Protein backbone atom coordinates (compact mmCIF):
# COMPACT_ATOMS: atom_id res chain seq x y z
CA MET A 1 100.17 129.27 91.48
CA SER A 2 100.63 126.38 89.06
CA ASN A 3 98.90 123.03 89.48
CA ARG A 4 102.30 121.46 90.20
CA ASP A 5 102.80 123.93 93.06
CA ARG A 6 99.26 123.35 94.33
CA LEU A 7 99.77 119.57 94.34
CA LYS A 8 103.16 119.88 96.01
CA GLU A 9 101.73 122.11 98.74
CA LEU A 10 98.78 119.75 99.25
CA LEU A 11 100.92 116.62 99.56
CA ILE A 12 103.44 118.29 101.88
CA ASP A 13 100.55 119.23 104.17
CA ILE A 14 98.81 115.86 104.01
CA PHE A 15 101.85 113.65 104.42
CA LEU A 16 103.59 115.94 106.93
CA LEU A 17 106.69 116.39 104.79
CA GLU A 18 109.34 119.05 104.89
CA GLU A 19 109.61 120.96 101.62
CA ASP A 20 113.08 119.53 100.94
CA GLU A 21 111.70 115.98 101.37
CA PHE A 22 109.19 116.41 98.55
CA SER A 23 109.82 115.23 95.01
CA PHE A 24 107.46 114.50 92.15
CA ASP A 25 109.21 111.10 91.97
CA LEU A 26 108.00 109.99 95.41
CA SER A 27 106.08 106.76 95.81
CA ARG A 28 103.96 105.34 98.60
CA ASP A 29 106.98 103.34 99.82
CA ASP A 30 108.96 106.58 100.27
CA ILE A 31 106.42 108.24 102.57
CA GLU A 32 105.82 106.76 106.01
CA THR A 33 102.55 108.65 106.47
CA TRP A 34 101.08 107.39 103.17
CA ASP A 35 98.90 104.88 104.98
CA SER A 36 95.14 104.28 104.91
CA LEU A 37 94.41 107.60 106.61
CA GLY A 38 96.84 109.31 104.25
CA ILE A 39 95.00 107.86 101.25
CA VAL A 40 91.69 109.24 102.50
CA SER A 41 93.26 112.62 103.25
CA MET A 42 94.90 112.72 99.83
CA ALA A 43 91.60 111.91 98.10
CA VAL A 44 89.74 114.59 100.05
CA GLY A 45 92.49 117.12 99.40
CA VAL A 46 92.53 116.40 95.67
CA ARG A 47 88.77 116.88 95.57
CA GLU A 48 89.00 120.20 97.41
CA VAL A 49 91.93 121.58 95.39
CA PHE A 50 91.32 120.11 91.93
CA GLY A 51 87.63 119.18 92.00
CA TYR A 52 88.26 115.52 91.17
CA HIS A 53 86.70 112.79 93.31
CA PHE A 54 88.69 109.56 93.47
CA GLN A 55 86.56 106.44 93.74
CA GLN A 56 87.65 104.23 96.66
CA ALA A 57 89.26 101.53 94.51
CA GLU A 58 90.96 104.17 92.38
CA ALA A 59 92.44 105.92 95.42
CA LEU A 60 93.79 102.61 96.72
CA GLU A 61 95.58 102.03 93.40
CA ILE A 62 97.50 105.32 93.60
CA ASP A 63 101.09 104.39 94.39
CA SER A 64 103.00 107.56 93.57
CA VAL A 65 102.82 111.28 92.98
CA ALA A 66 103.13 110.50 89.27
CA ASP A 67 99.97 108.36 89.51
CA ILE A 68 98.06 111.31 90.98
CA ILE A 69 99.26 113.59 88.19
CA GLU A 70 98.44 111.00 85.52
CA ARG A 71 94.89 110.56 86.84
CA LEU A 72 94.28 114.31 87.08
CA GLU A 73 95.71 114.94 83.61
CA ALA A 74 93.31 112.30 82.26
CA GLU A 75 90.54 114.48 83.74
CA GLY A 76 91.85 117.61 82.01
CA VAL A 77 93.99 119.12 84.79
CA SER A 78 97.24 120.38 83.25
CA PHE A 79 100.57 119.86 84.98
CA ALA A 80 102.69 121.24 82.13
CA GLU A 81 105.56 123.35 83.37
């Protein structure tokens, strides 16, 4: 399974999305469940799946799926297709 697929699966589970609702272009404004609890769940999920621990301030600055990918790529996680 690619890292893109792993992230997609993780975010669908965390934000309670249907598969057809998910897009790598989604932002916080697009997802009703991306609230304070969603941020914590996303940070924990990213740590469990990718081994990266978001600092609190860093997690609060994440506004889109692209931001998550950008942060993980900066830590050496590849999302190349």
